[in-house]
PDB file of N, CA and C in Angstrom:
ATOM      1  N   MET A   1     120.608  20.032  48.142  1.00  0.00           N
ATOM      2  CA  MET A   1     120.060  19.478  49.369  1.00  0.00           C
ATOM      3  C   MET A   1     118.618  19.970  49.516  1.00  0.00           C
ATOM      4  N   LYS A   2     117.752  19.082  49.920  1.00  0.00           N
ATOM      5  CA  LYS A   2     116.345  19.415  50.100  1.00  0.00           C
ATOM      6  C   LYS A   2     116.125  20.090  51.456  1.00  0.00           C
ATOM      7  N   LEU A   3     115.263  21.088  51.474  1.00  0.00           N
ATOM      8  CA  LEU A   3     114.931  21.796  52.704  1.00  0.00           C
ATOM      9  C   LEU A   3     113.910  20.979  53.496  1.00  0.00           C
ATOM     10  N   ASN A   4     114.292  20.557  54.682  1.00  0.00           N
ATOM     11  CA  ASN A   4     113.434  19.741  55.536  1.00  0.00           C
ATOM     12  C   ASN A   4     112.526  20.659  56.354  1.00  0.00           C
ATOM     13  N   HIS A   5     111.228  20.637  56.052  1.00  0.00           N
ATOM     14  CA  HIS A   5     110.283  21.532  56.720  1.00  0.00           C
ATOM     15  C   HIS A   5     110.141  21.232  58.205  1.00  0.00           C
ATOM     16  N   GLU A   6     110.265  19.973  58.570  1.00  0.00           N
ATOM     17  CA  GLU A   6     110.206  19.609  59.992  1.00  0.00           C
ATOM     18  C   GLU A   6     111.392  20.224  60.734  1.00  0.00           C
ATOM     19  N   CYS A   7     112.548  20.207  60.093  1.00  0.00           N
ATOM     20  CA  CYS A   7     113.745  20.803  60.674  1.00  0.00           C
ATOM     21  C   CYS A   7     113.586  22.329  60.777  1.00  0.00           C
ATOM     22  N   VAL A   8     112.981  22.938  59.772  1.00  0.00           N
ATOM     23  CA  VAL A   8     112.726  24.387  59.797  1.00  0.00           C
ATOM     24  C   VAL A   8     111.917  24.747  61.039  1.00  0.00           C
ATOM     25  N   ARG A   9     110.811  24.052  61.242  1.00  0.00           N
ATOM     26  CA  ARG A   9     109.940  24.334  62.395  1.00  0.00           C
ATOM     27  C   ARG A   9     110.686  24.110  63.707  1.00  0.00           C
ATOM     28  N   SER A  10     111.423  23.009  63.785  1.00  0.00           N
ATOM     29  CA  SER A  10     112.158  22.685  65.015  1.00  0.00           C
ATOM     30  C   SER A  10     113.235  23.716  65.324  1.00  0.00           C
ATOM     31  N   ILE A  11     113.922  24.198  64.302  1.00  0.00           N
ATOM     32  CA  ILE A  11     114.947  25.222  64.522  1.00  0.00           C
ATOM     33  C   ILE A  11     114.313  26.534  64.981  1.00  0.00           C
ATOM     34  N   LEU A  12     113.217  26.921  64.366  1.00  0.00           N
ATOM     35  CA  LEU A  12     112.544  28.153  64.793  1.00  0.00           C
ATOM     36  C   LEU A  12     112.086  28.053  66.247  1.00  0.00           C
ATOM     37  N   LEU A  13     111.530  26.916  66.617  1.00  0.00           N
ATOM     38  CA  LEU A  13     111.108  26.711  68.009  1.00  0.00           C
ATOM     39  C   LEU A  13     112.309  26.734  68.956  1.00  0.00           C
ATOM     40  N   THR A  14     113.413  26.154  68.527  1.00  0.00           N
ATOM     41  CA  THR A  14     114.633  26.135  69.336  1.00  0.00           C
ATOM     42  C   THR A  14     115.179  27.539  69.549  1.00  0.00           C
ATOM     43  N   ILE A  15     115.251  28.306  68.473  1.00  0.00           N
ATOM     44  CA  ILE A  15     115.775  29.673  68.583  1.00  0.00           C
ATOM     45  C   ILE A  15     114.873  30.508  69.483  1.00  0.00           C
ATOM     46  N   GLU A  16     113.569  30.384  69.301  1.00  0.00           N
ATOM     47  CA  GLU A  16     112.641  31.133  70.143  1.00  0.00           C
ATOM     48  C   GLU A  16     112.845  30.785  71.622  1.00  0.00           C
ATOM     49  N   GLU A  17     113.040  29.518  71.900  1.00  0.00           N
ATOM     50  CA  GLU A  17     113.194  29.049  73.274  1.00  0.00           C
ATOM     51  C   GLU A  17     114.540  29.463  73.878  1.00  0.00           C
ATOM     52  N   LYS A  18     115.608  29.343  73.130  1.00  0.00           N
ATOM     53  CA  LYS A  18     116.951  29.505  73.690  1.00  0.00           C
ATOM     54  C   LYS A  18     117.530  30.918  73.589  1.00  0.00           C
ATOM     55  N   HIS A  19     117.071  31.692  72.601  1.00  0.00           N
ATOM     56  CA  HIS A  19     117.659  33.024  72.413  1.00  0.00           C
ATOM     57  C   HIS A  19     117.196  33.985  73.503  1.00  0.00           C
ATOM     58  N   GLN A  20     118.141  34.734  74.024  1.00  0.00           N
ATOM     59  CA  GLN A  20     117.842  35.764  75.014  1.00  0.00           C
ATOM     60  C   GLN A  20     118.153  37.122  74.406  1.00  0.00           C
ATOM     61  N   TYR A  21     117.256  38.054  74.618  1.00  0.00           N
ATOM     62  CA  TYR A  21     117.420  39.387  74.062  1.00  0.00           C
ATOM     63  C   TYR A  21     118.780  39.977  74.439  1.00  0.00           C
ATOM     64  N   GLY A  22     119.454  40.536  73.448  1.00  0.00           N
ATOM     65  CA  GLY A  22     120.742  41.179  73.682  1.00  0.00           C
ATOM     66  C   GLY A  22     121.921  40.223  73.686  1.00  0.00           C
ATOM     67  N   LYS A  23     121.651  38.941  73.513  1.00  0.00           N
ATOM     68  CA  LYS A  23     122.725  37.944  73.498  1.00  0.00           C
ATOM     69  C   LYS A  23     122.724  37.207  72.165  1.00  0.00           C
ATOM     70  N   VAL A  24     123.837  36.590  71.873  1.00  0.00           N
ATOM     71  CA  VAL A  24     123.982  35.812  70.648  1.00  0.00           C
ATOM     72  C   VAL A  24     123.816  34.336  70.975  1.00  0.00           C
ATOM     73  N   LEU A  25     123.057  33.641  70.155  1.00  0.00           N
ATOM     74  CA  LEU A  25     122.903  32.201  70.269  1.00  0.00           C
ATOM     75  C   LEU A  25     123.869  31.571  69.265  1.00  0.00           C
ATOM     76  N   ARG A  26     124.792  30.804  69.749  1.00  0.00           N
ATOM     77  CA  ARG A  26     125.856  30.248  68.910  1.00  0.00           C
ATOM     78  C   ARG A  26     125.442  28.911  68.284  1.00  0.00           C
ATOM     79  N   LEU A  27     126.085  28.598  67.196  1.00  0.00           N
ATOM     80  CA  LEU A  27     125.813  27.367  66.464  1.00  0.00           C
ATOM     81  C   LEU A  27     125.874  26.150  67.373  1.00  0.00           C
ATOM     82  N   GLU A  28     126.872  26.088  68.228  1.00  0.00           N
ATOM     83  CA  GLU A  28     127.037  24.933  69.118  1.00  0.00           C
ATOM     84  C   GLU A  28     125.821  24.756  70.030  1.00  0.00           C
ATOM     85  N   GLU A  29     125.272  25.867  70.513  1.00  0.00           N
ATOM     86  CA  GLU A  29     124.101  25.804  71.387  1.00  0.00           C
ATOM     87  C   GLU A  29     122.880  25.279  70.627  1.00  0.00           C
ATOM     88  N   ILE A  30     122.759  25.694  69.383  1.00  0.00           N
ATOM     89  CA  ILE A  30     121.645  25.236  68.553  1.00  0.00           C
ATOM     90  C   ILE A  30     121.789  23.740  68.274  1.00  0.00           C
ATOM     91  N   LEU A  31     122.988  23.331  67.892  1.00  0.00           N
ATOM     92  CA  LEU A  31     123.235  21.924  67.560  1.00  0.00           C
ATOM     93  C   LEU A  31     123.000  20.993  68.752  1.00  0.00           C
ATOM     94  N   GLN A  32     123.161  21.489  69.965  1.00  0.00           N
ATOM     95  CA  GLN A  32     123.003  20.670  71.166  1.00  0.00           C
ATOM     96  C   GLN A  32     121.557  20.551  71.645  1.00  0.00           C
ATOM     97  N   SER A  33     120.647  21.227  70.985  1.00  0.00           N
ATOM     98  CA  SER A  33     119.252  21.199  71.403  1.00  0.00           C
ATOM     99  C   SER A  33     118.661  19.798  71.256  1.00  0.00           C
ATOM    100  N   ASP A  34     117.993  19.321  72.296  1.00  0.00           N
ATOM    101  CA  ASP A  34     117.322  18.017  72.248  1.00  0.00           C
ATOM    102  C   ASP A  34     116.263  17.980  71.146  1.00  0.00           C
ATOM    103  N   ARG A  35     115.639  19.110  70.899  1.00  0.00           N
ATOM    104  CA  ARG A  35     114.581  19.192  69.894  1.00  0.00           C
ATOM    105  C   ARG A  35     115.117  18.858  68.492  1.00  0.00           C
ATOM    106  N   LEU A  36     116.420  19.057  68.290  1.00  0.00           N
ATOM    107  CA  LEU A  36     117.009  18.849  66.968  1.00  0.00           C
ATOM    108  C   LEU A  36     117.755  17.524  66.840  1.00  0.00           C
ATOM    109  N   SER A  37     117.625  16.666  67.829  1.00  0.00           N
ATOM    110  CA  SER A  37     118.397  15.415  67.842  1.00  0.00           C
ATOM    111  C   SER A  37     118.086  14.483  66.674  1.00  0.00           C
ATOM    112  N   GLU A  38     116.920  14.614  66.071  1.00  0.00           N
ATOM    113  CA  GLU A  38     116.560  13.729  64.958  1.00  0.00           C
ATOM    114  C   GLU A  38     117.160  14.161  63.623  1.00  0.00           C
ATOM    115  N   PHE A  39     117.805  15.332  63.606  1.00  0.00           N
ATOM    116  CA  PHE A  39     118.373  15.856  62.364  1.00  0.00           C
ATOM    117  C   PHE A  39     119.895  15.798  62.428  1.00  0.00           C
ATOM    118  N   ASN A  40     120.537  15.575  61.274  1.00  0.00           N
ATOM    119  CA  ASN A  40     121.995  15.559  61.285  1.00  0.00           C
ATOM    120  C   ASN A  40     122.543  16.990  61.203  1.00  0.00           C
ATOM    121  N   GLU A  41     123.801  17.139  61.532  1.00  0.00           N
ATOM    122  CA  GLU A  41     124.428  18.460  61.629  1.00  0.00           C
ATOM    123  C   GLU A  41     124.374  19.222  60.309  1.00  0.00           C
ATOM    124  N   ASP A  42     124.622  18.553  59.193  1.00  0.00           N
ATOM    125  CA  ASP A  42     124.587  19.225  57.894  1.00  0.00           C
ATOM    126  C   ASP A  42     123.191  19.754  57.581  1.00  0.00           C
ATOM    127  N   GLU A  43     122.179  18.976  57.926  1.00  0.00           N
ATOM    128  CA  GLU A  43     120.795  19.383  57.695  1.00  0.00           C
ATOM    129  C   GLU A  43     120.469  20.643  58.505  1.00  0.00           C
ATOM    130  N   ILE A  44     120.891  20.677  59.750  1.00  0.00           N
ATOM    131  CA  ILE A  44     120.639  21.828  60.621  1.00  0.00           C
ATOM    132  C   ILE A  44     121.371  23.060  60.092  1.00  0.00           C
ATOM    133  N   LYS A  45     122.615  22.889  59.718  1.00  0.00           N
ATOM    134  CA  LYS A  45     123.394  24.012  59.184  1.00  0.00           C
ATOM    135  C   LYS A  45     122.762  24.558  57.912  1.00  0.00           C
ATOM    136  N   TYR A  46     122.331  23.668  57.037  1.00  0.00           N
ATOM    137  CA  TYR A  46     121.699  24.078  55.788  1.00  0.00           C
ATOM    138  C   TYR A  46     120.434  24.893  56.055  1.00  0.00           C
ATOM    139  N   VAL A  47     119.612  24.404  56.972  1.00  0.00           N
ATOM    140  CA  VAL A  47     118.363  25.108  57.296  1.00  0.00           C
ATOM    141  C   VAL A  47     118.663  26.467  57.926  1.00  0.00           C
ATOM    142  N   LEU A  48     119.659  26.545  58.803  1.00  0.00           N
ATOM    143  CA  LEU A  48     120.031  27.831  59.399  1.00  0.00           C
ATOM    144  C   LEU A  48     120.410  28.847  58.326  1.00  0.00           C
ATOM    145  N   ILE A  49     121.222  28.413  57.374  1.00  0.00           N
ATOM    146  CA  ILE A  49     121.642  29.311  56.293  1.00  0.00           C
ATOM    147  C   ILE A  49     120.429  29.775  55.490  1.00  0.00           C
ATOM    148  N   LYS A  50     119.543  28.853  55.162  1.00  0.00           N
ATOM    149  CA  LYS A  50     118.363  29.198  54.363  1.00  0.00           C
ATOM    150  C   LYS A  50     117.396  30.098  55.132  1.00  0.00           C
ATOM    151  N   LEU A  51     117.237  29.851  56.433  1.00  0.00           N
ATOM    152  CA  LEU A  51     116.371  30.722  57.238  1.00  0.00           C
ATOM    153  C   LEU A  51     116.944  32.131  57.333  1.00  0.00           C
ATOM    154  N   ALA A  52     118.253  32.245  57.399  1.00  0.00           N
ATOM    155  CA  ALA A  52     118.891  33.567  57.403  1.00  0.00           C
ATOM    156  C   ALA A  52     118.736  34.231  56.035  1.00  0.00           C
ATOM    157  N   ASP A  53     118.938  33.463  54.959  1.00  0.00           N
ATOM    158  CA  ASP A  53     118.762  33.991  53.600  1.00  0.00           C
ATOM    159  C   ASP A  53     117.350  34.525  53.397  1.00  0.00           C
ATOM    160  N   ALA A  54     116.367  33.795  53.937  1.00  0.00           N
ATOM    161  CA  ALA A  54     114.960  34.167  53.777  1.00  0.00           C
ATOM    162  C   ALA A  54     114.521  35.242  54.769  1.00  0.00           C
ATOM    163  N   LYS A  55     115.429  35.633  55.645  1.00  0.00           N
ATOM    164  CA  LYS A  55     115.169  36.662  56.659  1.00  0.00           C
ATOM    165  C   LYS A  55     114.097  36.236  57.670  1.00  0.00           C
ATOM    166  N   TYR A  56     114.122  34.936  58.028  1.00  0.00           N
ATOM    167  CA  TYR A  56     113.274  34.425  59.106  1.00  0.00           C
ATOM    168  C   TYR A  56     114.025  34.461  60.429  1.00  0.00           C
ATOM    169  N   ILE A  57     115.356  34.471  60.334  1.00  0.00           N
ATOM    170  CA  ILE A  57     116.202  34.622  61.520  1.00  0.00           C
ATOM    171  C   ILE A  57     117.299  35.627  61.197  1.00  0.00           C
ATOM    172  N   GLU A  58     117.796  36.275  62.250  1.00  0.00           N
ATOM    173  CA  GLU A  58     118.950  37.150  62.100  1.00  0.00           C
ATOM    174  C   GLU A  58     120.170  36.323  62.470  1.00  0.00           C
ATOM    175  N   GLY A  59     121.039  36.111  61.501  1.00  0.00           N
ATOM    176  CA  GLY A  59     122.201  35.284  61.767  1.00  0.00           C
ATOM    177  C   GLY A  59     123.394  35.699  60.938  1.00  0.00           C
ATOM    178  N   THR A  60     124.567  35.451  61.489  1.00  0.00           N
ATOM    179  CA  THR A  60     125.812  35.763  60.813  1.00  0.00           C
ATOM    180  C   THR A  60     126.584  34.475  60.588  1.00  0.00           C
ATOM    181  N   PRO A  61     126.514  33.953  59.363  1.00  0.00           N
ATOM    182  CA  PRO A  61     127.265  32.730  59.071  1.00  0.00           C
ATOM    183  C   PRO A  61     128.724  33.049  58.755  1.00  0.00           C
ATOM    184  N   GLN A  62     129.610  32.168  59.152  1.00  0.00           N
ATOM    185  CA  GLN A  62     131.027  32.277  58.798  1.00  0.00           C
ATOM    186  C   GLN A  62     131.465  30.923  58.258  1.00  0.00           C
ATOM    187  N   TYR A  63     132.186  30.976  57.156  1.00  0.00           N
ATOM    188  CA  TYR A  63     132.565  29.759  56.461  1.00  0.00           C
ATOM    189  C   TYR A  63     134.071  29.536  56.528  1.00  0.00           C
ATOM    190  N   GLY A  64     134.453  28.289  56.489  1.00  0.00           N
ATOM    191  CA  GLY A  64     135.841  27.875  56.376  1.00  0.00           C
ATOM    192  C   GLY A  64     135.891  26.639  55.506  1.00  0.00           C
ATOM    193  N   SER A  65     136.731  26.657  54.495  1.00  0.00           N
ATOM    194  CA  SER A  65     136.826  25.532  53.555  1.00  0.00           C
ATOM    195  C   SER A  65     135.464  25.164  52.974  1.00  0.00           C
ATOM    196  N   ASN A  66     134.703  26.192  52.611  1.00  0.00           N
ATOM    197  CA  ASN A  66     133.392  25.993  51.981  1.00  0.00           C
ATOM    198  C   ASN A  66     132.372  25.310  52.882  1.00  0.00           C
ATOM    199  N   GLU A  67     132.556  25.416  54.201  1.00  0.00           N
ATOM    200  CA  GLU A  67     131.653  24.793  55.163  1.00  0.00           C
ATOM    201  C   GLU A  67     131.305  25.808  56.248  1.00  0.00           C
ATOM    202  N   LEU A  68     130.084  25.760  56.735  1.00  0.00           N
ATOM    203  CA  LEU A  68     129.659  26.621  57.835  1.00  0.00           C
ATOM    204  C   LEU A  68     130.372  26.180  59.105  1.00  0.00           C
ATOM    205  N   ILE A  69     131.163  27.100  59.686  1.00  0.00           N
ATOM    206  CA  ILE A  69     131.877  26.746  60.915  1.00  0.00           C
ATOM    207  C   ILE A  69     131.365  27.539  62.118  1.00  0.00           C
ATOM    208  N   TYR A  70     130.812  28.728  61.870  1.00  0.00           N
ATOM    209  CA  TYR A  70     130.221  29.534  62.940  1.00  0.00           C
ATOM    210  C   TYR A  70     128.895  30.077  62.448  1.00  0.00           C
ATOM    211  N   PHE A  71     127.972  30.194  63.378  1.00  0.00           N
ATOM    212  CA  PHE A  71     126.708  30.851  63.071  1.00  0.00           C
ATOM    213  C   PHE A  71     126.229  31.511  64.352  1.00  0.00           C
ATOM    214  N   ASP A  72     126.295  32.819  64.375  1.00  0.00           N
ATOM    215  CA  ASP A  72     125.819  33.585  65.520  1.00  0.00           C
ATOM    216  C   ASP A  72     124.411  34.070  65.217  1.00  0.00           C
ATOM    217  N   CYS A  73     123.454  33.617  66.001  1.00  0.00           N
ATOM    218  CA  CYS A  73     122.054  33.941  65.771  1.00  0.00           C
ATOM    219  C   CYS A  73     121.598  35.008  66.759  1.00  0.00           C
ATOM    220  N   ASN A  74     120.991  36.051  66.217  1.00  0.00           N
ATOM    221  CA  ASN A  74     120.477  37.144  67.035  1.00  0.00           C
ATOM    222  C   ASN A  74     118.961  37.053  67.226  1.00  0.00           C
ATOM    223  N   GLY A  75     118.391  35.904  66.888  1.00  0.00           N
ATOM    224  CA  GLY A  75     116.967  35.695  67.130  1.00  0.00           C
ATOM    225  C   GLY A  75     116.131  35.649  65.872  1.00  0.00           C
ATOM    226  N   LEU A  76     114.823  35.547  66.084  1.00  0.00           N
ATOM    227  CA  LEU A  76     113.859  35.506  64.989  1.00  0.00           C
ATOM    228  C   LEU A  76     113.581  36.917  64.490  1.00  0.00           C
ATOM    229  N   THR A  77     113.286  37.041  63.219  1.00  0.00           N
ATOM    230  CA  THR A  77     112.830  38.312  62.660  1.00  0.00           C
ATOM    231  C   THR A  77     111.310  38.376  62.807  1.00  0.00           C
ATOM    232  N   TRP A  78     110.735  39.488  62.397  1.00  0.00           N
ATOM    233  CA  TRP A  78     109.278  39.618  62.411  1.00  0.00           C
ATOM    234  C   TRP A  78     108.645  38.519  61.560  1.00  0.00           C
ATOM    235  N   SER A  79     109.194  38.284  60.371  1.00  0.00           N
ATOM    236  CA  SER A  79     108.662  37.239  59.486  1.00  0.00           C
ATOM    237  C   SER A  79     108.812  35.857  60.112  1.00  0.00           C
ATOM    238  N   GLY A  80     109.922  35.628  60.794  1.00  0.00           N
ATOM    239  CA  GLY A  80     110.135  34.361  61.469  1.00  0.00           C
ATOM    240  C   GLY A  80     109.114  34.127  62.569  1.00  0.00           C
ATOM    241  N   HIS A  81     108.835  35.181  63.340  1.00  0.00           N
ATOM    242  CA  HIS A  81     107.818  35.077  64.395  1.00  0.00           C
ATOM    243  C   HIS A  81     106.440  34.803  63.794  1.00  0.00           C
ATOM    244  N   GLN A  82     106.114  35.508  62.711  1.00  0.00           N
ATOM    245  CA  GLN A  82     104.806  35.311  62.085  1.00  0.00           C
ATOM    246  C   GLN A  82     104.643  33.878  61.581  1.00  0.00           C
ATOM    247  N   PHE A  83     105.668  33.362  60.909  1.00  0.00           N
ATOM    248  CA  PHE A  83     105.596  32.002  60.392  1.00  0.00           C
ATOM    249  C   PHE A  83     105.470  30.999  61.531  1.00  0.00           C
ATOM    250  N   LEU A  84     106.310  31.153  62.550  1.00  0.00           N
ATOM    251  CA  LEU A  84     106.272  30.230  63.680  1.00  0.00           C
ATOM    252  C   LEU A  84     104.932  30.296  64.407  1.00  0.00           C
ATOM    253  N   ASP A  85     104.394  31.492  64.584  1.00  0.00           N
ATOM    254  CA  ASP A  85     103.097  31.616  65.251  1.00  0.00           C
ATOM    255  C   ASP A  85     101.985  30.935  64.453  1.00  0.00           C
ATOM    256  N   THR A  86     102.151  30.875  63.140  1.00  0.00           N
ATOM    257  CA  THR A  86     101.162  30.211  62.296  1.00  0.00           C
ATOM    258  C   THR A  86     101.217  28.695  62.447  1.00  0.00           C
ATOM    259  N   ILE A  87     102.429  28.129  62.561  1.00  0.00           N
ATOM    260  CA  ILE A  87     102.583  26.670  62.565  1.00  0.00           C
ATOM    261  C   ILE A  87     102.968  26.092  63.924  1.00  0.00           C
ATOM    262  N   ARG A  88     102.983  26.906  64.950  1.00  0.00           N
ATOM    263  CA  ARG A  88     103.415  26.461  66.286  1.00  0.00           C
ATOM    264  C   ARG A  88     102.561  25.328  66.847  1.00  0.00           C
ATOM    265  N   ASP A  89     101.260  25.470  66.787  1.00  0.00           N
ATOM    266  CA  ASP A  89     100.351  24.490  67.363  1.00  0.00           C
ATOM    267  C   ASP A  89     100.546  23.138  66.665  1.00  0.00           C
ATOM    268  N   PRO A  90     100.776  22.077  67.442  1.00  0.00           N
ATOM    269  CA  PRO A  90     101.016  20.759  66.830  1.00  0.00           C
ATOM    270  C   PRO A  90      99.883  20.281  65.918  1.00  0.00           C
ATOM    271  N   GLU A  91      98.646  20.584  66.279  1.00  0.00           N
ATOM    272  CA  GLU A  91      97.511  20.166  65.451  1.00  0.00           C
ATOM    273  C   GLU A  91      97.502  20.924  64.116  1.00  0.00           C
ATOM    274  N   VAL A  92      97.774  22.218  64.168  1.00  0.00           N
ATOM    275  CA  VAL A  92      97.850  23.021  62.940  1.00  0.00           C
ATOM    276  C   VAL A  92      98.993  22.505  62.067  1.00  0.00           C
ATOM    277  N   TRP A  93     100.144  22.224  62.681  1.00  0.00           N
ATOM    278  CA  TRP A  93     101.298  21.740  61.930  1.00  0.00           C
ATOM    279  C   TRP A  93     100.989  20.383  61.280  1.00  0.00           C
ATOM    280  N   LYS A  94     100.350  19.501  62.021  1.00  0.00           N
ATOM    281  CA  LYS A  94     100.005  18.176  61.501  1.00  0.00           C
ATOM    282  C   LYS A  94      99.092  18.298  60.282  1.00  0.00           C
ATOM    283  N   LYS A  95      98.074  19.131  60.380  1.00  0.00           N
ATOM    284  CA  LYS A  95      97.134  19.304  59.263  1.00  0.00           C
ATOM    285  C   LYS A  95      97.796  20.028  58.095  1.00  0.00           C
ATOM    286  N   THR A  96      98.651  20.978  58.405  1.00  0.00           N
ATOM    287  CA  THR A  96      99.372  21.708  57.352  1.00  0.00           C
ATOM    288  C   THR A  96     100.253  20.740  56.558  1.00  0.00           C
ATOM    289  N   LYS A  97     100.980  19.881  57.267  1.00  0.00           N
ATOM    290  CA  LYS A  97     101.844  18.901  56.592  1.00  0.00           C
ATOM    291  C   LYS A  97     101.023  17.922  55.761  1.00  0.00           C
ATOM    292  N   ARG A  98      99.866  17.508  56.279  1.00  0.00           N
ATOM    293  CA  ARG A  98      99.013  16.565  55.547  1.00  0.00           C
ATOM    294  C   ARG A  98      98.553  17.178  54.223  1.00  0.00           C
ATOM    295  N   ILE A  99      98.140  18.431  54.261  1.00  0.00           N
ATOM    296  CA  ILE A  99      97.694  19.117  53.040  1.00  0.00           C
ATOM    297  C   ILE A  99      98.869  19.295  52.085  1.00  0.00           C
ATOM    298  N   ALA A 100     100.001  19.739  52.613  1.00  0.00           N
ATOM    299  CA  ALA A 100     101.180  19.999  51.780  1.00  0.00           C
ATOM    300  C   ALA A 100     101.740  18.721  51.162  1.00  0.00           C
ATOM    301  N   SER A 101     101.537  17.592  51.808  1.00  0.00           N
ATOM    302  CA  SER A 101     102.084  16.323  51.309  1.00  0.00           C
ATOM    303  C   SER A 101     101.440  15.890  49.990  1.00  0.00           C
ATOM    304  N   LYS A 102     100.339  16.493  49.634  1.00  0.00           N
ATOM    305  CA  LYS A 102      99.664  16.161  48.380  1.00  0.00           C
ATOM    306  C   LYS A 102     100.376  16.756  47.176  1.00  0.00           C
ATOM    307  N   LEU A 103     101.314  17.663  47.450  1.00  0.00           N
ATOM    308  CA  LEU A 103     102.054  18.333  46.377  1.00  0.00           C
ATOM    309  C   LEU A 103     103.490  17.810  46.317  1.00  0.00           C
ATOM    310  N   THR A 104     104.107  17.957  45.167  1.00  0.00           N
ATOM    311  CA  THR A 104     105.481  17.504  44.996  1.00  0.00           C
ATOM    312  C   THR A 104     106.456  18.359  45.781  1.00  0.00           C
ATOM    313  N   SER A 105     106.257  19.663  45.739  1.00  0.00           N
ATOM    314  CA  SER A 105     107.120  20.558  46.509  1.00  0.00           C
ATOM    315  C   SER A 105     106.288  21.736  47.006  1.00  0.00           C
ATOM    316  N   VAL A 106     106.665  22.221  48.173  1.00  0.00           N
ATOM    317  CA  VAL A 106     105.934  23.317  48.797  1.00  0.00           C
ATOM    318  C   VAL A 106     106.943  24.286  49.405  1.00  0.00           C
ATOM    319  N   SER A 107     106.785  25.554  49.083  1.00  0.00           N
ATOM    320  CA  SER A 107     107.677  26.573  49.638  1.00  0.00           C
ATOM    321  C   SER A 107     107.274  26.909  51.070  1.00  0.00           C
ATOM    322  N   ILE A 108     108.173  27.571  51.762  1.00  0.00           N
ATOM    323  CA  ILE A 108     107.865  28.034  53.123  1.00  0.00           C
ATOM    324  C   ILE A 108     106.701  29.020  53.084  1.00  0.00           C
ATOM    325  N   THR A 109     106.666  29.856  52.068  1.00  0.00           N
ATOM    326  CA  THR A 109     105.567  30.811  51.922  1.00  0.00           C
ATOM    327  C   THR A 109     104.242  30.069  51.769  1.00  0.00           C
ATOM    328  N   MET A 110     104.247  28.996  50.987  1.00  0.00           N
ATOM    329  CA  MET A 110     103.029  28.207  50.802  1.00  0.00           C
ATOM    330  C   MET A 110     102.647  27.488  52.095  1.00  0.00           C
ATOM    331  N   LEU A 111     103.641  26.960  52.819  1.00  0.00           N
ATOM    332  CA  LEU A 111     103.356  26.330  54.115  1.00  0.00           C
ATOM    333  C   LEU A 111     102.687  27.328  55.056  1.00  0.00           C
ATOM    334  N   SER A 112     103.177  28.543  55.048  1.00  0.00           N
ATOM    335  CA  SER A 112     102.601  29.587  55.894  1.00  0.00           C
ATOM    336  C   SER A 112     101.152  29.864  55.493  1.00  0.00           C
ATOM    337  N   SER A 113     100.914  29.910  54.202  1.00  0.00           N
ATOM    338  CA  SER A 113      99.561  30.154  53.706  1.00  0.00           C
ATOM    339  C   SER A 113      98.621  29.008  54.081  1.00  0.00           C
ATOM    340  N   ILE A 114      99.089  27.772  53.890  1.00  0.00           N
ATOM    341  CA  ILE A 114      98.283  26.603  54.266  1.00  0.00           C
ATOM    342  C   ILE A 114      98.028  26.617  55.771  1.00  0.00           C
ATOM    343  N   GLY A 115      99.072  26.881  56.551  1.00  0.00           N
ATOM    344  CA  GLY A 115      98.931  26.947  58.005  1.00  0.00           C
ATOM    345  C   GLY A 115      97.924  27.998  58.434  1.00  0.00           C
ATOM    346  N   SER A 116      97.935  29.143  57.773  1.00  0.00           N
ATOM    347  CA  SER A 116      96.974  30.216  58.090  1.00  0.00           C
ATOM    348  C   SER A 116      95.546  29.767  57.812  1.00  0.00           C
ATOM    349  N   GLN A 117      95.366  29.056  56.709  1.00  0.00           N
ATOM    350  CA  GLN A 117      94.029  28.566  56.369  1.00  0.00           C
ATOM    351  C   GLN A 117      93.564  27.507  57.361  1.00  0.00           C
ATOM    352  N   VAL A 118      94.469  26.623  57.750  1.00  0.00           N
ATOM    353  CA  VAL A 118      94.136  25.591  58.741  1.00  0.00           C
ATOM    354  C   VAL A 118      93.759  26.256  60.058  1.00  0.00           C
ATOM    355  N   LEU A 119      94.555  27.220  60.485  1.00  0.00           N
ATOM    356  CA  LEU A 119      94.309  27.931  61.740  1.00  0.00           C
ATOM    357  C   LEU A 119      92.966  28.662  61.704  1.00  0.00           C
ATOM    358  N   THR A 120      92.691  29.305  60.593  1.00  0.00           N
ATOM    359  CA  THR A 120      91.421  30.017  60.430  1.00  0.00           C
ATOM    360  C   THR A 120      90.241  29.059  60.553  1.00  0.00           C
ATOM    361  N   LYS A 121      90.348  27.881  59.925  1.00  0.00           N
ATOM    362  CA  LYS A 121      89.267  26.894  60.016  1.00  0.00           C
ATOM    363  C   LYS A 121      89.092  26.399  61.450  1.00  0.00           C
ATOM    364  N   LEU A 122      90.206  26.138  62.132  1.00  0.00           N
ATOM    365  CA  LEU A 122      90.131  25.665  63.521  1.00  0.00           C
ATOM    366  C   LEU A 122      89.494  26.703  64.435  1.00  0.00           C
ATOM    367  N   LEU A 123      89.753  27.972  64.149  1.00  0.00           N
ATOM    368  CA  LEU A 123      89.190  29.051  64.961  1.00  0.00           C
ATOM    369  C   LEU A 123      87.751  29.376  64.575  1.00  0.00           C
ATOM    370  N   GLY A 124      87.313  28.854  63.427  1.00  0.00           N
ATOM    371  CA  GLY A 124      85.945  29.102  62.974  1.00  0.00           C
ATOM    372  C   GLY A 124      85.733  30.516  62.494  1.00  0.00           C
ATOM    373  N   ILE A 125      86.771  31.116  61.946  1.00  0.00           N
ATOM    374  CA  ILE A 125      86.653  32.506  61.469  1.00  0.00           C
ATOM    375  C   ILE A 125      86.201  32.524  60.024  1.00  0.00           C
TER     376      ILE A 125
END
């Protein structure tokens, strides 16, 4: 399954918005987010697992019959916050995607790097 970068950004924004310190954000709450309505459930679950694997979010996946059935999210990690802060601005995200679209495949690390360069140019640094 291909990692949908738009879904990655939307999930990070959703977790940041909905997670409360000291509480667990459950899979059902994430799936019900209006921000994620354009993505199917399997796509969202896949991205959650990959974001946890990459340590962008703190999450505890539980599987049943080889399928994700529970996912308790404890919020964004430091790396997750850094990545989201880089691509949060819609204009930065739009330009980052435009640059990345010139390549066949782009990692999250590369998206972050492109986003940082776009942000730096916009700030005139």
